[in-house]
Amino acid sequence: MNVREQVSEMTRKLPADVSIEEIVRRLYLMQKVEKGLAQADNSETISQEDAKKEWKNGSGSLDQAKIG
């Protein structure tokens, strides 16, 4: 399914009175999930333990996965 079809399907499921902010929030989430799945497929991930350490220490960026 291409991006246009994904967006169309997502918006069809929303209530008629949905706000633009909610649509943007959902599009952002959808993009992040797609990016994460692509990174996982390419083995561009870090362990949960390393992610917790980075989060706790405030070092690195969890948005940029490391190969390992």
C-alpha atoms as a PDB file:
ATOM      1  CA  MET A   1       0.000   0.000   0.000  1.00  0.00           C
ATOM      2  CA  ASN A   2       1.464   3.370  -0.949  1.00  0.00           C
ATOM      3  CA  VAL A   3       1.513   6.433   1.305  1.00  0.00           C
ATOM      4  CA  ARG A   4      -1.487   8.055  -0.347  1.00  0.00           C
ATOM      5  CA  GLU A   5      -3.560   4.914   0.211  1.00  0.00           C
ATOM      6  CA  GLN A   6      -2.392   4.666   3.836  1.00  0.00           C
ATOM      7  CA  VAL A   7      -3.360   8.279   4.524  1.00  0.00           C
ATOM      8  CA  SER A   8      -6.713   7.824   2.809  1.00  0.00           C
ATOM      9  CA  GLU A   9      -7.456   4.699   4.860  1.00  0.00           C
ATOM     10  CA  MET A  10      -6.391   6.406   8.090  1.00  0.00           C
ATOM     11  CA  THR A  11      -8.574   9.469   7.482  1.00  0.00           C
ATOM     12  CA  ARG A  12     -11.618   7.360   6.545  1.00  0.00           C
ATOM     13  CA  LYS A  13     -11.509   5.829  10.037  1.00  0.00           C
ATOM     14  CA  LEU A  14     -11.552   9.207  11.803  1.00  0.00           C
ATOM     15  CA  PRO A  15     -14.703  10.916  13.054  1.00  0.00           C
ATOM     16  CA  ALA A  16     -16.177  13.698  10.919  1.00  0.00           C
ATOM     17  CA  ASP A  17     -15.304  16.357  13.496  1.00  0.00           C
ATOM     18  CA  VAL A  18     -11.601  15.459  13.749  1.00  0.00           C
ATOM     19  CA  SER A  19      -9.216  18.408  14.101  1.00  0.00           C
ATOM     20  CA  ILE A  20      -6.345  19.155  11.764  1.00  0.00           C
ATOM     21  CA  GLU A  21      -4.016  18.859  14.775  1.00  0.00           C
ATOM     22  CA  GLU A  22      -5.215  15.298  15.389  1.00  0.00           C
ATOM     23  CA  ILE A  23      -4.686  14.372  11.743  1.00  0.00           C
ATOM     24  CA  VAL A  24      -1.165  15.815  11.820  1.00  0.00           C
ATOM     25  CA  ARG A  25      -0.434  13.963  15.078  1.00  0.00           C
ATOM     26  CA  ARG A  26      -1.560  10.671  13.562  1.00  0.00           C
ATOM     27  CA  LEU A  27       0.401  11.263  10.349  1.00  0.00           C
ATOM     28  CA  TYR A  28       3.513  11.977  12.418  1.00  0.00           C
ATOM     29  CA  LEU A  29       2.995   8.784  14.408  1.00  0.00           C
ATOM     30  CA  MET A  30       2.411   6.762  11.247  1.00  0.00           C
ATOM     31  CA  GLN A  31       5.655   8.123   9.743  1.00  0.00           C
ATOM     32  CA  LYS A  32       7.637   7.306  12.890  1.00  0.00           C
ATOM     33  CA  VAL A  33       6.287   3.748  12.991  1.00  0.00           C
ATOM     34  CA  GLU A  34       7.107   3.217   9.303  1.00  0.00           C
ATOM     35  CA  LYS A  35      10.623   4.580   9.846  1.00  0.00           C
ATOM     36  CA  GLY A  36      11.129   2.316  12.860  1.00  0.00           C
ATOM     37  CA  LEU A  37       9.961  -0.744  10.973  1.00  0.00           C
ATOM     38  CA  ALA A  38      12.325   0.070   8.102  1.00  0.00           C
ATOM     39  CA  GLN A  39      15.206   0.494  10.557  1.00  0.00           C
ATOM     40  CA  ALA A  40      14.375  -2.852  12.172  1.00  0.00           C
ATOM     41  CA  ASP A  41      14.283  -4.531   8.754  1.00  0.00           C
ATOM     42  CA  ASN A  42      17.769  -3.106   8.072  1.00  0.00           C
ATOM     43  CA  SER A  43      19.113  -4.171  11.502  1.00  0.00           C
ATOM     44  CA  GLU A  44      19.551  -0.508  12.460  1.00  0.00           C
ATOM     45  CA  THR A  45      18.497  -1.042  16.044  1.00  0.00           C
ATOM     46  CA  ILE A  46      19.947  -0.938  19.536  1.00  0.00           C
ATOM     47  CA  SER A  47      19.162  -3.204  22.449  1.00  0.00           C
ATOM     48  CA  GLN A  48      16.516  -2.243  24.967  1.00  0.00           C
ATOM     49  CA  GLU A  49      19.232  -2.097  27.636  1.00  0.00           C
ATOM     50  CA  ASP A  50      21.319   0.356  25.585  1.00  0.00           C
ATOM     51  CA  ALA A  51      18.235   2.451  24.834  1.00  0.00           C
ATOM     52  CA  LYS A  52      17.436   2.662  28.540  1.00  0.00           C
ATOM     53  CA  LYS A  53      21.022   3.730  29.287  1.00  0.00           C
ATOM     54  CA  GLU A  54      20.926   6.429  26.613  1.00  0.00           C
ATOM     55  CA  TRP A  55      17.547   7.651  27.855  1.00  0.00           C
ATOM     56  CA  LYS A  56      18.715   7.708  31.463  1.00  0.00           C
ATOM     57  CA  ASN A  57      22.011   9.461  30.668  1.00  0.00           C
ATOM     58  CA  GLY A  58      20.468  11.882  28.193  1.00  0.00           C
ATOM     59  CA  SER A  59      23.174  10.905  25.702  1.00  0.00           C
ATOM     60  CA  GLY A  60      22.628  10.100  22.077  1.00  0.00           C
ATOM     61  CA  SER A  61      19.346  10.320  20.294  1.00  0.00           C
ATOM     62  CA  LEU A  62      16.793   7.556  20.329  1.00  0.00           C
ATOM     63  CA  ASP A  63      15.591   8.950  16.988  1.00  0.00           C
ATOM     64  CA  GLN A  64      18.829   7.830  15.342  1.00  0.00           C
ATOM     65  CA  ALA A  65      19.260   4.085  15.792  1.00  0.00           C
ATOM     66  CA  LYS A  66      22.758   2.651  15.954  1.00  0.00           C
ATOM     67  CA  ILE A  67      23.789  -0.530  14.210  1.00  0.00           C
ATOM     68  CA  GLY A  68      24.744  -3.170  16.713  1.00  0.00           C
END
